[in-house]
PDB file of N, CA and C in Angstrom:
ATOM      1  N   MET A   1    -165.113  19.890 133.853  1.00  0.00           N
ATOM      2  CA  MET A   1    -165.551  18.595 133.386  1.00  0.00           C
ATOM      3  C   MET A   1    -165.912  17.757 134.611  1.00  0.00           C
ATOM      4  N   THR A   2    -167.094  17.151 134.536  1.00  0.00           N
ATOM      5  CA  THR A   2    -167.556  16.246 135.580  1.00  0.00           C
ATOM      6  C   THR A   2    -167.734  14.870 134.955  1.00  0.00           C
ATOM      7  N   VAL A   3    -167.269  13.836 135.660  1.00  0.00           N
ATOM      8  CA  VAL A   3    -167.367  12.484 135.119  1.00  0.00           C
ATOM      9  C   VAL A   3    -168.033  11.558 136.128  1.00  0.00           C
ATOM     10  N   GLY A   4    -168.705  10.554 135.610  1.00  0.00           N
ATOM     11  CA  GLY A   4    -169.315   9.504 136.411  1.00  0.00           C
ATOM     12  C   GLY A   4    -169.279   8.225 135.607  1.00  0.00           C
ATOM     13  N   CYS A   5    -169.406   7.105 136.300  1.00  0.00           N
ATOM     14  CA  CYS A   5    -169.299   5.838 135.593  1.00  0.00           C
ATOM     15  C   CYS A   5    -170.325   4.843 136.124  1.00  0.00           C
ATOM     16  N   ASP A   6    -170.958   4.153 135.207  1.00  0.00           N
ATOM     17  CA  ASP A   6    -171.758   2.973 135.532  1.00  0.00           C
ATOM     18  C   ASP A   6    -170.897   1.807 135.065  1.00  0.00           C
ATOM     19  N   CYS A   7    -170.047   1.317 135.964  1.00  0.00           N
ATOM     20  CA  CYS A   7    -169.057   0.301 135.582  1.00  0.00           C
ATOM     21  C   CYS A   7    -169.713  -1.031 135.240  1.00  0.00           C
ATOM     22  N   THR A   8    -170.910  -1.295 135.764  1.00  0.00           N
ATOM     23  CA  THR A   8    -171.597  -2.548 135.415  1.00  0.00           C
ATOM     24  C   THR A   8    -172.037  -2.532 133.964  1.00  0.00           C
ATOM     25  N   GLU A   9    -172.457  -1.370 133.498  1.00  0.00           N
ATOM     26  CA  GLU A   9    -172.922  -1.220 132.115  1.00  0.00           C
ATOM     27  C   GLU A   9    -171.811  -0.722 131.195  1.00  0.00           C
ATOM     28  N   HIS A  10    -170.634  -0.409 131.763  1.00  0.00           N
ATOM     29  CA  HIS A  10    -169.483   0.088 130.999  1.00  0.00           C
ATOM     30  C   HIS A  10    -169.798   1.399 130.284  1.00  0.00           C
ATOM     31  N   ILE A  11    -170.411   2.319 131.033  1.00  0.00           N
ATOM     32  CA  ILE A  11    -170.774   3.628 130.487  1.00  0.00           C
ATOM     33  C   ILE A  11    -170.079   4.719 131.293  1.00  0.00           C
ATOM     34  N   LEU A  12    -169.318   5.543 130.611  1.00  0.00           N
ATOM     35  CA  LEU A  12    -168.702   6.716 131.220  1.00  0.00           C
ATOM     36  C   LEU A  12    -169.551   7.916 130.847  1.00  0.00           C
ATOM     37  N   GLN A  13    -169.930   8.700 131.824  1.00  0.00           N
ATOM     38  CA  GLN A  13    -170.749   9.885 131.582  1.00  0.00           C
ATOM     39  C   GLN A  13    -169.893  11.115 131.831  1.00  0.00           C
ATOM     40  N   VAL A  14    -169.909  12.027 130.882  1.00  0.00           N
ATOM     41  CA  VAL A  14    -169.077  13.224 130.961  1.00  0.00           C
ATOM     42  C   VAL A  14    -169.947  14.453 130.736  1.00  0.00           C
ATOM     43  N   GLU A  15    -169.804  15.419 131.629  1.00  0.00           N
ATOM     44  CA  GLU A  15    -170.468  16.706 131.444  1.00  0.00           C
ATOM     45  C   GLU A  15    -169.377  17.768 131.354  1.00  0.00           C
ATOM     46  N   PHE A  16    -169.393  18.501 130.252  1.00  0.00           N
ATOM     47  CA  PHE A  16    -168.383  19.521 130.018  1.00  0.00           C
ATOM     48  C   PHE A  16    -168.824  20.841 130.645  1.00  0.00           C
ATOM     49  N   GLN A  17    -167.889  21.764 130.806  1.00  0.00           N
ATOM     50  CA  GLN A  17    -168.202  23.061 131.405  1.00  0.00           C
ATOM     51  C   GLN A  17    -169.284  23.803 130.631  1.00  0.00           C
ATOM     52  N   SER A  18    -169.413  23.507 129.354  1.00  0.00           N
ATOM     53  CA  SER A  18    -170.441  24.144 128.520  1.00  0.00           C
ATOM     54  C   SER A  18    -171.844  23.663 128.882  1.00  0.00           C
ATOM     55  N   GLY A  19    -171.907  22.545 129.647  1.00  0.00           N
ATOM     56  CA  GLY A  19    -173.196  21.952 129.987  1.00  0.00           C
ATOM     57  C   GLY A  19    -173.558  20.775 129.099  1.00  0.00           C
ATOM     58  N   ASP A  20    -172.823  20.572 127.996  1.00  0.00           N
ATOM     59  CA  ASP A  20    -173.058  19.419 127.132  1.00  0.00           C
ATOM     60  C   ASP A  20    -172.670  18.149 127.875  1.00  0.00           C
ATOM     61  N   ALA A  21    -173.502  17.119 127.756  1.00  0.00           N
ATOM     62  CA  ALA A  21    -173.243  15.857 128.443  1.00  0.00           C
ATOM     63  C   ALA A  21    -173.284  14.708 127.445  1.00  0.00           C
ATOM     64  N   TYR A  22    -172.380  13.757 127.641  1.00  0.00           N
ATOM     65  CA  TYR A  22    -172.253  12.604 126.746  1.00  0.00           C
ATOM     66  C   TYR A  22    -172.068  11.331 127.556  1.00  0.00           C
ATOM     67  N   GLN A  23    -172.490  10.223 126.959  1.00  0.00           N
ATOM     68  CA  GLN A  23    -172.212   8.902 127.501  1.00  0.00           C
ATOM     69  C   GLN A  23    -171.271   8.211 126.533  1.00  0.00           C
ATOM     70  N   TYR A  24    -170.167   7.699 127.054  1.00  0.00           N
ATOM     71  CA  TYR A  24    -169.196   6.940 126.265  1.00  0.00           C
ATOM     72  C   TYR A  24    -169.394   5.471 126.586  1.00  0.00           C
ATOM     73  N   LEU A  25    -169.609   4.665 125.553  1.00  0.00           N
ATOM     74  CA  LEU A  25    -170.022   3.278 125.723  1.00  0.00           C
ATOM     75  C   LEU A  25    -168.838   2.329 125.617  1.00  0.00           C
ATOM     76  N   GLY A  26    -168.852   1.284 126.447  1.00  0.00           N
ATOM     77  CA  GLY A  26    -167.819   0.252 126.395  1.00  0.00           C
ATOM     78  C   GLY A  26    -166.578   0.579 127.198  1.00  0.00           C
ATOM     79  N   VAL A  27    -166.656   1.560 128.093  1.00  0.00           N
ATOM     80  CA  VAL A  27    -165.500   1.950 128.907  1.00  0.00           C
ATOM     81  C   VAL A  27    -165.389   0.983 130.087  1.00  0.00           C
ATOM     82  N   ASP A  28    -164.266   0.280 130.156  1.00  0.00           N
ATOM     83  CA  ASP A  28    -164.123  -0.718 131.219  1.00  0.00           C
ATOM     84  C   ASP A  28    -163.679  -0.079 132.543  1.00  0.00           C
ATOM     85  N   GLU A  29    -163.772  -0.850 133.607  1.00  0.00           N
ATOM     86  CA  GLU A  29    -163.471  -0.348 134.943  1.00  0.00           C
ATOM     87  C   GLU A  29    -162.012   0.074 135.081  1.00  0.00           C
ATOM     88  N   ASP A  30    -161.101  -0.620 134.405  1.00  0.00           N
ATOM     89  CA  ASP A  30    -159.680  -0.238 134.460  1.00  0.00           C
ATOM     90  C   ASP A  30    -159.460   1.158 133.888  1.00  0.00           C
ATOM     91  N   THR A  31    -160.139   1.470 132.789  1.00  0.00           N
ATOM     92  CA  THR A  31    -160.025   2.808 132.187  1.00  0.00           C
ATOM     93  C   THR A  31    -160.581   3.855 133.140  1.00  0.00           C
ATOM     94  N   TRP A  32    -161.692   3.539 133.801  1.00  0.00           N
ATOM     95  CA  TRP A  32    -162.285   4.441 134.785  1.00  0.00           C
ATOM     96  C   TRP A  32    -161.300   4.711 135.917  1.00  0.00           C
ATOM     97  N   GLU A  33    -160.651   3.667 136.412  1.00  0.00           N
ATOM     98  CA  GLU A  33    -159.671   3.827 137.491  1.00  0.00           C
ATOM     99  C   GLU A  33    -158.462   4.630 137.023  1.00  0.00           C
ATOM    100  N   ASP A  34    -158.002   4.367 135.798  1.00  0.00           N
ATOM    101  CA  ASP A  34    -156.882   5.132 135.237  1.00  0.00           C
ATOM    102  C   ASP A  34    -157.245   6.608 135.114  1.00  0.00           C
ATOM    103  N   LEU A  35    -158.466   6.894 134.718  1.00  0.00           N
ATOM    104  CA  LEU A  35    -158.939   8.271 134.587  1.00  0.00           C
ATOM    105  C   LEU A  35    -158.781   9.014 135.906  1.00  0.00           C
ATOM    106  N   HIS A  36    -159.141   8.360 137.000  1.00  0.00           N
ATOM    107  CA  HIS A  36    -159.076   9.014 138.306  1.00  0.00           C
ATOM    108  C   HIS A  36    -157.672   9.069 138.895  1.00  0.00           C
ATOM    109  N   SER A  37    -156.778   8.234 138.439  1.00  0.00           N
ATOM    110  CA  SER A  37    -155.413   8.268 138.967  1.00  0.00           C
ATOM    111  C   SER A  37    -154.510   9.204 138.153  1.00  0.00           C
ATOM    112  N   PHE A  38    -154.981   9.655 137.002  1.00  0.00           N
ATOM    113  CA  PHE A  38    -154.203  10.549 136.140  1.00  0.00           C
ATOM    114  C   PHE A  38    -154.214  11.952 136.730  1.00  0.00           C
ATOM    115  N   ASP A  39    -153.134  12.693 136.547  1.00  0.00           N
ATOM    116  CA  ASP A  39    -153.034  14.052 137.093  1.00  0.00           C
ATOM    117  C   ASP A  39    -154.109  14.991 136.561  1.00  0.00           C
ATOM    118  N   SER A  40    -154.454  14.840 135.280  1.00  0.00           N
ATOM    119  CA  SER A  40    -155.455  15.707 134.670  1.00  0.00           C
ATOM    120  C   SER A  40    -156.531  14.856 133.996  1.00  0.00           C
ATOM    121  N   ILE A  41    -157.747  14.938 134.511  1.00  0.00           N
ATOM    122  CA  ILE A  41    -158.859  14.185 133.921  1.00  0.00           C
ATOM    123  C   ILE A  41    -159.063  14.607 132.473  1.00  0.00           C
ATOM    124  N   ALA A  42    -158.979  15.895 132.204  1.00  0.00           N
ATOM    125  CA  ALA A  42    -159.191  16.392 130.839  1.00  0.00           C
ATOM    126  C   ALA A  42    -158.132  15.845 129.880  1.00  0.00           C
ATOM    127  N   SER A  43    -156.878  15.816 130.308  1.00  0.00           N
ATOM    128  CA  SER A  43    -155.808  15.282 129.444  1.00  0.00           C
ATOM    129  C   SER A  43    -156.016  13.805 129.175  1.00  0.00           C
ATOM    130  N   PHE A  44    -156.346  13.040 130.220  1.00  0.00           N
ATOM    131  CA  PHE A  44    -156.585  11.610 130.038  1.00  0.00           C
ATOM    132  C   PHE A  44    -157.763  11.398 129.093  1.00  0.00           C
ATOM    133  N   PHE A  45    -158.827  12.166 129.301  1.00  0.00           N
ATOM    134  CA  PHE A  45    -160.000  12.061 128.440  1.00  0.00           C
ATOM    135  C   PHE A  45    -159.612  12.294 126.976  1.00  0.00           C
ATOM    136  N   ASN A  46    -158.872  13.360 126.721  1.00  0.00           N
ATOM    137  CA  ASN A  46    -158.495  13.691 125.341  1.00  0.00           C
ATOM    138  C   ASN A  46    -157.571  12.645 124.720  1.00  0.00           C
ATOM    139  N   GLN A  47    -156.691  12.036 125.504  1.00  0.00           N
ATOM    140  CA  GLN A  47    -155.730  11.067 124.991  1.00  0.00           C
ATOM    141  C   GLN A  47    -156.310   9.663 124.871  1.00  0.00           C
ATOM    142  N   ASP A  48    -157.144   9.266 125.832  1.00  0.00           N
ATOM    143  CA  ASP A  48    -157.512   7.848 125.932  1.00  0.00           C
ATOM    144  C   ASP A  48    -158.993   7.531 125.768  1.00  0.00           C
ATOM    145  N   ILE A  49    -159.842   8.538 125.716  1.00  0.00           N
ATOM    146  CA  ILE A  49    -161.282   8.259 125.615  1.00  0.00           C
ATOM    147  C   ILE A  49    -161.884   8.902 124.362  1.00  0.00           C
ATOM    148  N   LYS A  50    -161.665  10.175 124.186  1.00  0.00           N
ATOM    149  CA  LYS A  50    -162.237  10.910 123.054  1.00  0.00           C
ATOM    150  C   LYS A  50    -161.824  10.255 121.736  1.00  0.00           C
ATOM    151  N   GLY A  51    -162.819   9.913 120.923  1.00  0.00           N
ATOM    152  CA  GLY A  51    -162.560   9.321 119.620  1.00  0.00           C
ATOM    153  C   GLY A  51    -162.296   7.821 119.638  1.00  0.00           C
ATOM    154  N   ARG A  52    -162.179   7.234 120.814  1.00  0.00           N
ATOM    155  CA  ARG A  52    -161.905   5.789 120.920  1.00  0.00           C
ATOM    156  C   ARG A  52    -163.143   4.979 121.286  1.00  0.00           C
ATOM    157  N   TYR A  53    -164.152   5.638 121.791  1.00  0.00           N
ATOM    158  CA  TYR A  53    -165.375   4.960 122.215  1.00  0.00           C
ATOM    159  C   TYR A  53    -166.572   5.583 121.514  1.00  0.00           C
ATOM    160  N   ASP A  54    -167.574   4.758 121.249  1.00  0.00           N
ATOM    161  CA  ASP A  54    -168.838   5.290 120.739  1.00  0.00           C
ATOM    162  C   ASP A  54    -169.440   6.166 121.823  1.00  0.00           C
ATOM    163  N   CYS A  55    -170.109   7.230 121.400  1.00  0.00           N
ATOM    164  CA  CYS A  55    -170.727   8.091 122.408  1.00  0.00           C
ATOM    165  C   CYS A  55    -172.096   8.567 121.940  1.00  0.00           C
ATOM    166  N   ASP A  56    -172.912   8.892 122.915  1.00  0.00           N
ATOM    167  CA  ASP A  56    -174.242   9.450 122.683  1.00  0.00           C
ATOM    168  C   ASP A  56    -174.344  10.753 123.454  1.00  0.00           C
ATOM    169  N   ARG A  57    -174.858  11.773 122.790  1.00  0.00           N
ATOM    170  CA  ARG A  57    -175.096  13.040 123.470  1.00  0.00           C
ATOM    171  C   ARG A  57    -176.376  12.925 124.279  1.00  0.00           C
ATOM    172  N   LEU A  58    -176.339  13.451 125.484  1.00  0.00           N
ATOM    173  CA  LEU A  58    -177.516  13.463 126.348  1.00  0.00           C
ATOM    174  C   LEU A  58    -178.167  14.834 126.211  1.00  0.00           C
ATOM    175  N   ASP A  59    -179.377  14.842 125.659  1.00  0.00           N
ATOM    176  CA  ASP A  59    -180.051  16.113 125.398  1.00  0.00           C
ATOM    177  C   ASP A  59    -181.002  16.546 126.501  1.00  0.00           C
ATOM    178  N   ASN A  60    -181.121  15.759 127.539  1.00  0.00           N
ATOM    179  CA  ASN A  60    -182.023  16.091 128.631  1.00  0.00           C
ATOM    180  C   ASN A  60    -181.408  17.209 129.470  1.00  0.00           C
ATOM    181  N   PRO A  61    -182.036  18.394 129.515  1.00  0.00           N
ATOM    182  CA  PRO A  61    -181.475  19.501 130.281  1.00  0.00           C
ATOM    183  C   PRO A  61    -181.468  19.253 131.787  1.00  0.00           C
ATOM    184  N   ASP A  62    -182.249  18.297 132.265  1.00  0.00           N
ATOM    185  CA  ASP A  62    -182.282  17.988 133.689  1.00  0.00           C
ATOM    186  C   ASP A  62    -181.309  16.874 134.066  1.00  0.00           C
ATOM    187  N   TYR A  63    -180.508  16.422 133.107  1.00  0.00           N
ATOM    188  CA  TYR A  63    -179.578  15.322 133.339  1.00  0.00           C
ATOM    189  C   TYR A  63    -178.497  15.739 134.332  1.00  0.00           C
ATOM    190  N   THR A  64    -178.202  14.870 135.279  1.00  0.00           N
ATOM    191  CA  THR A  64    -177.076  15.093 136.178  1.00  0.00           C
ATOM    192  C   THR A  64    -176.302  13.806 136.322  1.00  0.00           C
ATOM    193  N   ILE A  65    -175.008  13.923 136.443  1.00  0.00           N
ATOM    194  CA  ILE A  65    -174.156  12.750 136.629  1.00  0.00           C
ATOM    195  C   ILE A  65    -174.193  12.338 138.086  1.00  0.00           C
ATOM    196  N   LYS A  66    -174.342  11.054 138.306  1.00  0.00           N
ATOM    197  CA  LYS A  66    -174.416  10.524 139.675  1.00  0.00           C
ATOM    198  C   LYS A  66    -173.028  10.334 140.248  1.00  0.00           C
TER     199      LYS A  66
END
């Protein structure tokens, strides 16, 4: 799992090992910081992000997280 954040726009971008990429909307900077301080990014994602934020799938095959 690869993650990136546009904290000004409150968008968390996640790319899974499968290659699927999503943008999670409304993620604040504190959540982003908590994500990086947690022992497991995947566990934090599953507990605190997945299902709690609106998300959009990114279908562009050339998409890369910054």
